[in-house]
Protein backbone atom coordinates (compact mmCIF):
# COMPACT_ATOMS: atom_id res chain seq x y z
CA MET A 1 -46.26 82.09 -9.40
CA PRO A 2 -43.72 83.82 -11.69
CA ALA A 3 -44.30 83.58 -15.42
CA TRP A 4 -41.20 81.44 -16.10
CA VAL A 5 -42.80 78.50 -14.28
CA THR A 6 -45.12 77.97 -17.23
CA PHE A 7 -42.11 77.35 -19.49
CA LEU A 8 -40.51 74.71 -17.31
CA PRO A 9 -42.37 71.85 -15.71
CA PRO A 10 -42.36 72.57 -11.96
CA VAL A 11 -42.36 68.83 -11.17
CA PHE A 12 -39.09 68.38 -13.02
CA CYS A 13 -37.46 71.21 -11.06
CA LEU A 14 -38.68 69.95 -7.73
CA LEU A 15 -37.64 66.39 -8.47
CA PHE A 16 -34.12 67.50 -9.38
CA VAL A 17 -33.86 69.62 -6.18
CA PHE A 18 -35.15 66.66 -4.07
CA ILE A 19 -32.47 64.31 -5.53
CA PHE A 20 -29.80 66.95 -5.10
CA GLY A 21 -30.90 67.47 -1.48
CA ALA A 22 -30.66 63.72 -0.81
CA ILE A 23 -27.09 63.68 -2.17
CA VAL A 24 -26.18 66.63 0.03
CA GLY A 25 -27.78 64.85 2.96
CA SER A 26 -25.49 61.87 2.38
CA PHE A 27 -22.53 64.19 2.65
CA LEU A 28 -23.96 65.82 5.77
CA ASN A 29 -24.10 62.39 7.39
CA VAL A 30 -20.35 62.12 6.98
CA CYS A 31 -19.88 65.55 8.60
CA ILE A 32 -22.17 64.61 11.48
CA SER A 33 -20.25 61.45 12.18
CA ARG A 34 -16.75 62.85 11.89
CA LEU A 35 -16.61 66.54 12.76
CA PRO A 36 -17.43 66.10 16.50
CA LEU A 37 -14.50 63.61 16.64
CA GLU A 38 -12.22 66.07 14.79
CA LYS A 39 -11.83 63.66 11.86
CA SER A 40 -11.51 64.53 8.21
CA PHE A 41 -14.75 64.39 6.22
CA ILE A 42 -12.80 63.85 2.99
CA TRP A 43 -10.53 60.89 3.81
CA PRO A 44 -11.01 57.97 4.17
CA GLY A 45 -14.14 57.21 2.19
CA SER A 46 -17.33 55.88 3.71
CA ARG A 47 -16.85 52.56 5.51
CA CYS A 48 -18.60 50.31 7.99
CA GLY A 49 -17.93 51.31 11.59
CA GLN A 50 -17.81 47.67 12.67
CA CYS A 51 -15.67 45.83 10.08
CA LEU A 52 -14.08 49.00 8.59
CA GLN A 53 -14.62 47.72 5.05
CA PRO A 54 -15.19 50.46 2.43
CA ILE A 55 -18.81 50.90 1.35
CA ARG A 56 -19.20 50.34 -2.38
CA TRP A 57 -20.71 53.11 -4.47
CA TYR A 58 -23.88 51.09 -5.22
CA ASP A 59 -24.34 50.53 -1.49
CA ASN A 60 -24.09 54.29 -0.87
CA ILE A 61 -26.97 55.57 -3.00
CA PRO A 62 -28.93 58.11 -0.90
CA LEU A 63 -32.34 57.01 0.37
CA ILE A 64 -32.28 53.75 -1.64
CA SER A 65 -29.28 51.72 -0.43
CA TYR A 66 -30.40 51.79 3.22
CA TRP A 67 -33.57 49.87 2.40
CA VAL A 68 -31.93 47.62 -0.20
CA LEU A 69 -29.42 46.54 2.45
CA ARG A 70 -32.18 46.48 5.10
CA GLY A 71 -30.12 48.83 7.22
CA LYS A 72 -27.12 46.47 7.51
CA CYS A 73 -23.57 46.24 6.28
CA ARG A 74 -23.24 43.95 3.25
CA THR A 75 -19.96 42.52 4.51
CA CYS A 76 -20.43 41.86 8.26
CA GLY A 77 -24.19 42.45 8.72
CA ALA A 78 -23.69 45.13 11.40
CA PRO A 79 -26.76 47.40 11.61
CA PHE A 80 -26.63 51.02 10.38
CA SER A 81 -28.42 53.70 12.33
CA ILE A 82 -31.73 54.85 10.90
CA ARG A 83 -30.38 58.35 11.41
CA TYR A 84 -28.53 58.11 8.09
CA PHE A 85 -31.77 57.68 6.18
CA ILE A 86 -33.59 60.31 8.23
CA VAL A 87 -30.88 62.93 7.62
CA GLU A 88 -30.91 62.25 3.83
CA LEU A 89 -34.72 62.44 3.66
CA ALA A 90 -34.87 65.56 5.90
CA THR A 91 -32.26 67.37 3.80
CA ALA A 92 -34.06 66.47 0.57
CA LEU A 93 -37.41 67.70 1.91
CA CYS A 94 -35.86 70.88 3.35
CA PHE A 95 -34.16 71.71 0.03
CA LEU A 96 -37.43 71.00 -1.77
CA GLY A 97 -39.37 73.31 0.52
CA LEU A 98 -36.73 76.02 0.40
CA PHE A 99 -36.60 75.96 -3.41
CA TYR A 100 -40.40 76.08 -3.67
CA LEU A 101 -40.76 79.02 -1.30
CA GLU A 102 -37.86 81.09 -2.60
CA ILE A 103 -38.06 80.40 -6.33
CA PHE A 104 -41.68 79.45 -7.04
CA GLU A 105 -43.45 81.55 -4.39
CA ASN A 106 -40.79 84.29 -4.27
CA VAL A 107 -41.20 84.85 -0.53
CA HIS A 108 -38.45 87.51 -0.58
CA GLU A 109 -40.23 89.46 -3.37
CA LEU A 110 -37.18 89.62 -5.61
CA ASP A 111 -37.67 91.57 -8.84
CA VAL A 112 -35.63 89.09 -10.90
CA LEU A 113 -38.12 86.31 -10.16
CA ARG A 114 -41.10 88.37 -11.31
CA ALA A 115 -39.90 88.85 -14.88
CA PRO A 116 -40.88 86.12 -17.41
CA ALA A 117 -38.04 83.84 -18.50
CA GLY A 118 -37.49 80.31 -19.63
CA PHE A 119 -35.45 79.24 -16.62
CA PRO A 120 -34.94 80.56 -13.09
CA PRO A 121 -32.52 83.51 -13.34
CA TRP A 122 -29.06 82.98 -11.92
CA GLN A 123 -29.64 85.57 -9.20
CA GLY A 124 -32.55 83.57 -7.85
CA LEU A 125 -30.46 80.39 -7.89
CA VAL A 126 -27.67 82.21 -5.96
CA VAL A 127 -30.19 83.26 -3.28
CA PHE A 128 -31.43 79.65 -3.02
CA GLY A 129 -27.92 78.25 -2.98
CA PHE A 130 -26.74 80.67 -0.29
CA HIS A 131 -29.65 79.84 1.98
CA ALA A 132 -29.30 76.11 1.20
CA ILE A 133 -25.72 76.30 2.47
CA LEU A 134 -26.94 77.95 5.66
CA LEU A 135 -29.61 75.27 6.01
CA SER A 136 -27.02 72.52 5.58
CA PHE A 137 -24.81 73.96 8.30
CA LEU A 138 -27.83 74.28 10.62
CA LEU A 139 -28.85 70.65 9.99
CA VAL A 140 -25.37 69.36 10.84
CA ALA A 141 -25.19 71.51 13.96
CA SER A 142 -28.65 70.42 15.10
CA VAL A 143 -28.02 66.70 14.77
CA CYS A 144 -24.60 67.00 16.45
CA ASP A 145 -26.23 68.88 19.34
CA LEU A 146 -28.96 66.24 19.68
CA ASP A 147 -26.50 63.31 19.54
CA ARG A 148 -23.56 64.59 21.50
CA GLN A 149 -24.66 67.89 23.12
CA THR A 150 -21.87 69.65 21.22
CA ILE A 151 -21.61 71.79 18.10
CA PRO A 152 -18.20 71.53 16.39
CA LEU A 153 -16.29 74.78 16.28
CA SER A 154 -14.82 73.85 12.89
CA LEU A 155 -18.36 73.74 11.49
CA THR A 156 -19.45 77.12 12.77
CA VAL A 157 -16.20 78.92 11.94
CA THR A 158 -16.32 77.59 8.36
CA GLY A 159 -19.96 78.68 8.04
CA THR A 160 -19.13 82.12 9.42
CA ILE A 161 -16.38 82.63 6.85
CA ILE A 162 -18.70 81.58 4.00
CA GLY A 163 -21.42 83.91 5.31
CA LEU A 164 -19.01 86.89 5.44
CA ILE A 165 -17.82 86.17 1.87
CA GLY A 166 -21.43 86.18 0.73
CA ALA A 167 -22.05 89.45 2.57
CA VAL A 168 -19.22 91.13 0.74
CA LEU A 169 -20.07 89.73 -2.70
CA PHE A 170 -23.85 90.26 -2.47
CA PRO A 171 -24.52 93.28 -0.25
CA TRP A 172 -28.05 94.55 0.49
CA PRO A 173 -30.25 95.10 -1.50
CA TRP A 174 -28.79 92.67 -4.11
CA PRO A 175 -30.31 91.25 -6.32
CA ASN A 176 -32.87 94.07 -6.17
CA ALA A 177 -31.94 97.47 -7.51
CA LEU A 178 -30.76 100.16 -5.09
CA ALA A 179 -33.29 102.60 -6.49
CA GLY A 180 -36.61 101.92 -4.80
CA ALA A 181 -35.14 99.67 -2.13
CA VAL A 182 -36.54 102.05 0.50
CA GLN A 183 -39.86 103.76 -0.05
CA PRO A 184 -40.39 106.64 0.52
CA ALA A 185 -36.71 107.42 0.37
CA ASN A 186 -36.81 110.76 2.21
CA MET A 187 -38.24 109.49 5.52
CA PRO A 188 -36.46 108.01 8.57
CA TRP A 189 -36.38 104.25 8.35
CA ARG A 190 -37.91 103.83 11.83
CA ARG A 191 -41.08 105.67 10.82
CA PRO A 192 -44.26 103.58 10.24
CA GLY A 193 -45.09 103.20 6.57
CA VAL A 194 -41.45 103.11 5.37
CA VAL A 195 -40.94 99.94 3.31
CA ILE A 196 -37.44 98.38 3.35
CA ARG A 197 -37.21 95.76 0.63
CA ALA A 198 -35.23 92.60 1.36
CA GLY A 199 -32.56 91.20 -0.91
CA LEU A 200 -30.31 88.27 -0.21
CA TYR A 201 -29.81 89.98 3.16
CA PRO A 202 -33.11 91.14 4.68
CA TRP A 203 -31.80 94.55 5.90
CA PRO A 204 -28.51 96.44 5.94
CA VAL A 205 -26.61 96.96 9.19
CA TRP A 206 -28.27 100.34 9.83
CA ALA A 207 -30.26 103.08 8.11
CA LEU A 208 -27.97 104.13 5.28
CA PRO A 209 -28.74 107.88 5.43
CA ASP A 210 -27.49 107.88 9.05
CA VAL A 211 -24.09 106.31 8.22
CA PRO A 212 -22.20 108.35 5.58
CA TRP A 213 -19.49 105.74 4.92
CA LEU A 214 -22.12 103.14 3.98
CA GLN A 215 -23.82 105.29 1.37
CA PRO A 216 -25.25 104.75 -1.16
CA GLY A 217 -25.59 101.06 -0.21
CA GLY A 218 -25.10 98.04 -2.44
CA ASN A 219 -21.31 98.24 -1.89
CA TRP A 220 -18.83 95.93 -0.15
CA GLN A 221 -18.67 98.23 2.88
CA THR A 222 -22.39 97.77 3.51
CA GLY A 223 -22.12 94.04 2.99
CA LEU A 224 -19.14 93.53 5.25
CA ALA A 225 -20.61 95.70 7.99
CA THR A 226 -23.90 93.77 7.79
CA GLY A 227 -22.18 90.38 8.00
CA LEU A 228 -19.85 91.42 10.82
CA ALA A 229 -22.67 93.00 12.83
CA GLY A 230 -24.72 89.82 12.48
CA MET A 231 -21.78 87.67 13.51
CA LEU A 232 -21.05 89.77 16.61
CA ALA A 233 -24.73 90.10 17.56
CA GLY A 234 -25.25 86.34 17.36
CA THR A 235 -22.30 85.33 19.49
CA LEU A 236 -22.44 88.18 22.03
CA MET A 237 -26.20 87.83 22.52
CA LEU A 238 -25.99 84.11 23.38
CA ARG A 239 -22.89 84.61 25.55
CA GLY A 240 -24.68 87.46 27.35
CA VAL A 241 -27.76 85.32 27.92
CA ARG A 242 -25.56 82.50 29.28
CA PHE A 243 -23.77 84.90 31.67
CA LEU A 244 -26.76 86.91 32.91
CA PHE A 245 -29.07 83.94 33.38
CA GLY A 246 -26.29 81.96 35.02
CA LEU A 247 -25.56 84.93 37.31
CA GLY A 248 -29.09 84.72 38.64
CA MET A 249 -29.13 80.92 38.83
CA GLY A 250 -26.03 80.82 41.02
CA SER A 251 -23.13 78.41 41.38
CA GLN A 252 -25.24 75.31 40.68
CA TYR A 253 -25.25 76.17 36.98
CA MET A 254 -21.58 77.22 36.88
CA GLU A 255 -19.02 75.02 35.19
CA ASP A 256 -16.46 73.36 37.41
CA ALA A 257 -13.21 75.25 37.81
CA PRO A 258 -10.23 73.74 35.96
CA GLU A 259 -7.69 71.97 38.08
CA MET A 260 -4.52 73.92 38.72
CA GLU A 261 -1.18 72.22 38.53
CA GLU A 262 0.83 72.21 41.76
CA GLY A 263 3.18 75.17 41.97
CA GLN A 264 1.51 77.01 39.03
CA PRO A 265 0.94 80.70 39.86
CA SER A 266 -2.67 81.87 39.88
CA TRP A 267 -3.12 85.48 38.84
CA PHE A 268 -6.17 87.46 39.86
CA ALA A 269 -6.94 88.42 36.27
CA SER A 270 -6.84 84.80 35.09
CA ARG A 271 -9.13 83.68 37.94
CA TRP A 272 -11.58 86.48 37.08
CA ILE A 273 -11.60 85.59 33.35
CA SER A 274 -12.08 81.96 34.28
CA TRP A 275 -15.04 82.81 36.48
CA LEU A 276 -16.63 84.88 33.70
CA GLY A 277 -16.34 81.97 31.30
CA ARG A 278 -17.81 79.44 33.77
CA VAL A 279 -20.93 81.39 34.78
CA GLY A 280 -24.02 79.72 33.33
CA GLY A 281 -21.91 77.02 31.66
CA LYS A 282 -24.31 74.25 32.64
CA ALA A 283 -27.35 76.16 31.41
CA LEU A 284 -26.19 77.08 27.89
CA GLY A 285 -23.22 75.87 25.87
CA LEU A 286 -20.89 78.06 23.88
CA GLY A 287 -21.69 76.01 20.77
CA ASP A 288 -25.08 77.72 20.66
CA ALA A 289 -23.37 81.11 20.60
CA ASP A 290 -21.12 79.91 17.78
CA LEU A 291 -24.15 78.66 15.85
CA MET A 292 -25.79 82.11 16.06
CA MET A 293 -22.52 83.74 15.13
CA MET A 294 -22.53 81.70 11.90
CA ALA A 295 -26.21 82.43 11.19
CA GLY A 296 -25.68 86.12 11.84
CA ALA A 297 -22.99 86.26 9.16
CA PHE A 298 -25.57 84.88 6.70
CA LEU A 299 -28.55 87.07 7.66
CA GLY A 300 -27.42 90.17 9.60
CA TRP A 301 -28.01 91.25 13.17
CA GLN A 302 -31.73 92.15 13.13
CA PRO A 303 -33.04 88.75 11.97
CA ILE A 304 -30.72 86.95 14.42
CA LEU A 305 -32.23 88.78 17.41
CA VAL A 306 -35.70 87.92 16.23
CA ALA A 307 -34.70 84.29 15.57
CA PHE A 308 -33.51 83.90 19.18
CA PHE A 309 -36.90 84.89 20.56
CA LEU A 310 -38.71 82.71 18.06
CA ALA A 311 -36.56 79.76 19.19
CA ALA A 312 -37.57 80.07 22.87
CA LEU A 313 -40.80 78.03 22.74
CA PRO A 314 -39.50 75.29 20.38
CA GLY A 315 -36.41 75.12 22.60
CA VAL A 316 -38.48 74.32 25.66
CA VAL A 317 -40.50 71.70 23.78
CA MET A 318 -37.44 70.01 22.24
CA GLY A 319 -35.63 70.10 25.56
CA LEU A 320 -38.41 68.49 27.50
CA THR A 321 -38.74 65.85 24.77
CA GLN A 322 -35.04 65.05 25.14
CA VAL A 323 -35.46 64.73 28.87
CA ALA A 324 -38.44 62.43 28.52
CA VAL A 325 -36.97 60.20 25.78
CA ARG A 326 -33.28 60.06 26.68
CA GLY A 327 -33.22 61.30 30.24
CA TYR A 328 -30.72 64.10 29.53
CA THR A 329 -30.51 66.86 32.10
CA THR A 330 -28.83 69.21 29.65
CA LEU A 331 -31.17 70.67 27.06
CA PRO A 332 -29.80 70.98 23.49
CA PHE A 333 -30.84 74.40 22.25
CA GLY A 334 -29.18 74.16 18.82
CA PRO A 335 -32.14 72.62 16.93
CA ALA A 336 -34.53 75.25 18.24
CA LEU A 337 -32.13 78.04 17.25
CA ALA A 338 -31.82 76.53 13.76
CA PHE A 339 -35.61 76.42 13.50
CA GLY A 340 -35.89 80.05 14.56
CA VAL A 341 -33.24 81.12 12.09
CA MET A 342 -34.96 79.50 9.06
CA ILE A 343 -38.42 80.69 10.08
CA THR A 344 -37.06 84.23 10.39
CA CYS A 345 -35.23 84.01 7.08
CA LEU A 346 -38.25 82.80 5.11
CA GLY A 347 -40.83 84.91 6.96
CA TRP A 348 -39.03 88.23 7.08
CA ARG A 349 -41.49 89.77 4.63
CA SER A 350 -44.11 89.50 7.37
CA ILE A 351 -41.87 89.78 10.42
CA GLY A 352 -39.74 92.75 9.38
CA PRO A 353 -42.45 95.49 9.29
CA GLN A 354 -43.60 94.46 12.78
CA VAL A 355 -40.17 95.03 14.36
CA GLN A 356 -38.85 97.82 12.12
CA LEU A 357 -39.50 100.51 14.75
CA PHE A 358 -37.19 98.77 17.28
CA PHE A 359 -34.19 98.20 15.02
CA PHE A 360 -33.46 101.63 13.58
CA ASP A 361 -33.68 103.75 16.74
CA GLY A 362 -30.47 103.63 18.74
CA LEU A 363 -31.94 104.70 22.08
CA LEU A 364 -34.76 102.19 21.76
CA VAL A 365 -32.32 99.38 20.97
CA LEU A 366 -30.28 100.23 24.08
CA ALA A 367 -33.42 100.46 26.23
CA LEU A 368 -34.65 97.05 25.06
CA GLY A 369 -31.24 95.55 25.64
CA GLY A 370 -31.19 96.87 29.20
CA CYS A 371 -34.67 95.52 29.87
CA CYS A 372 -33.67 92.07 28.62
CA CYS A 373 -30.60 92.06 30.85
CA VAL A 374 -32.72 92.86 33.92
CA LEU A 375 -35.28 90.21 33.00
CA LEU A 376 -32.60 87.51 32.48
CA ILE A 377 -30.96 88.19 35.83
CA GLY A 378 -34.37 88.46 37.53
CA GLY A 379 -35.54 85.25 35.90
CA GLY A 380 -32.49 83.39 37.15
CA TYR A 381 -32.96 84.67 40.69
CA LEU A 382 -36.67 83.81 40.56
CA ILE A 383 -35.98 80.18 39.61
CA ARG A 384 -33.32 80.08 42.30
CA PHE A 385 -35.75 81.41 44.94
CA VAL A 386 -38.53 78.95 43.91
CA ARG A 387 -36.09 76.07 44.17
CA PHE A 388 -35.04 77.32 47.62
CA LEU A 389 -38.66 77.34 48.79
CA ARG A 390 -39.23 73.78 47.53
CA GLU A 391 -36.18 72.50 49.29
């Protein structure tokens, strides 16, 4: 642990973060309830959904009030969902774990957290706060996807804007110094043995020596390019997966065509665009693409690609659980994507060196992208063929 921990009782820090996380969780409950319905999360204040009476402040204390009231409204006795307590507790525990890993354990190996001090340096708190904001957005998106099979666009667009602002203000390798961020500095970044140190953002958009207008790094151009590349990679990757897999699966997984008003002209271009948007619509929602767009703005394009593959197995498990418990035929992929994003963010120190070869060689990136496209289409056709044989 860093030396400053000995000057400040760790239990006090963790307790404060836990309480703060529970308070944030209470606010996230409001967002989860209102954003899918396109309601304001600011006005009106919290109130019972049955009798519409405002909830008093002492009946709205995170984690405590639910059990004091025994999960019921004080005025009319209508039951409150246990989800409110679960979200508050989950947010508190997630904030606690994030703070411990990033500040106490220094999983990103930030230089500012290695130096002795009496309190966590502000740079470390910014890193924690930035990732805590991402975590909060992911929690809201996950619960909305589980409850309603939808991820509000207002949520993901707001998160994307915040991520891009952070990318401009804190470009790679901040808070680490630019000198020594890549060792050895005179070798191509794709070569084995080259160490690329992570900052708030794990990696820049591309190898800086290969892009003159990004040099020397640590500037707003590098940050903006990293955030934009992550945003585009996240949304285009999920939209591409939706289209290619749906292309192989056939019309059964295509969204229904919108009804045309009588007498309304139908242009060929509009029909073609409509068809492109409907392919694979029943297999994967566009909300998942928007979620990865948001996460890409926070992390960059390389971690987002890795996060998608890490989310595959949890996605299958969560989807099958939803089918078994609730009987849904649509599988919410948002929680698995959120899980993959946070695992990638916190584990990049171990993940990054394993995939470094693939992300700084342009030809190799294109070749891998082509192989994935072929596999997605082939996988869709294979499932389609197996279903045909069974029928």
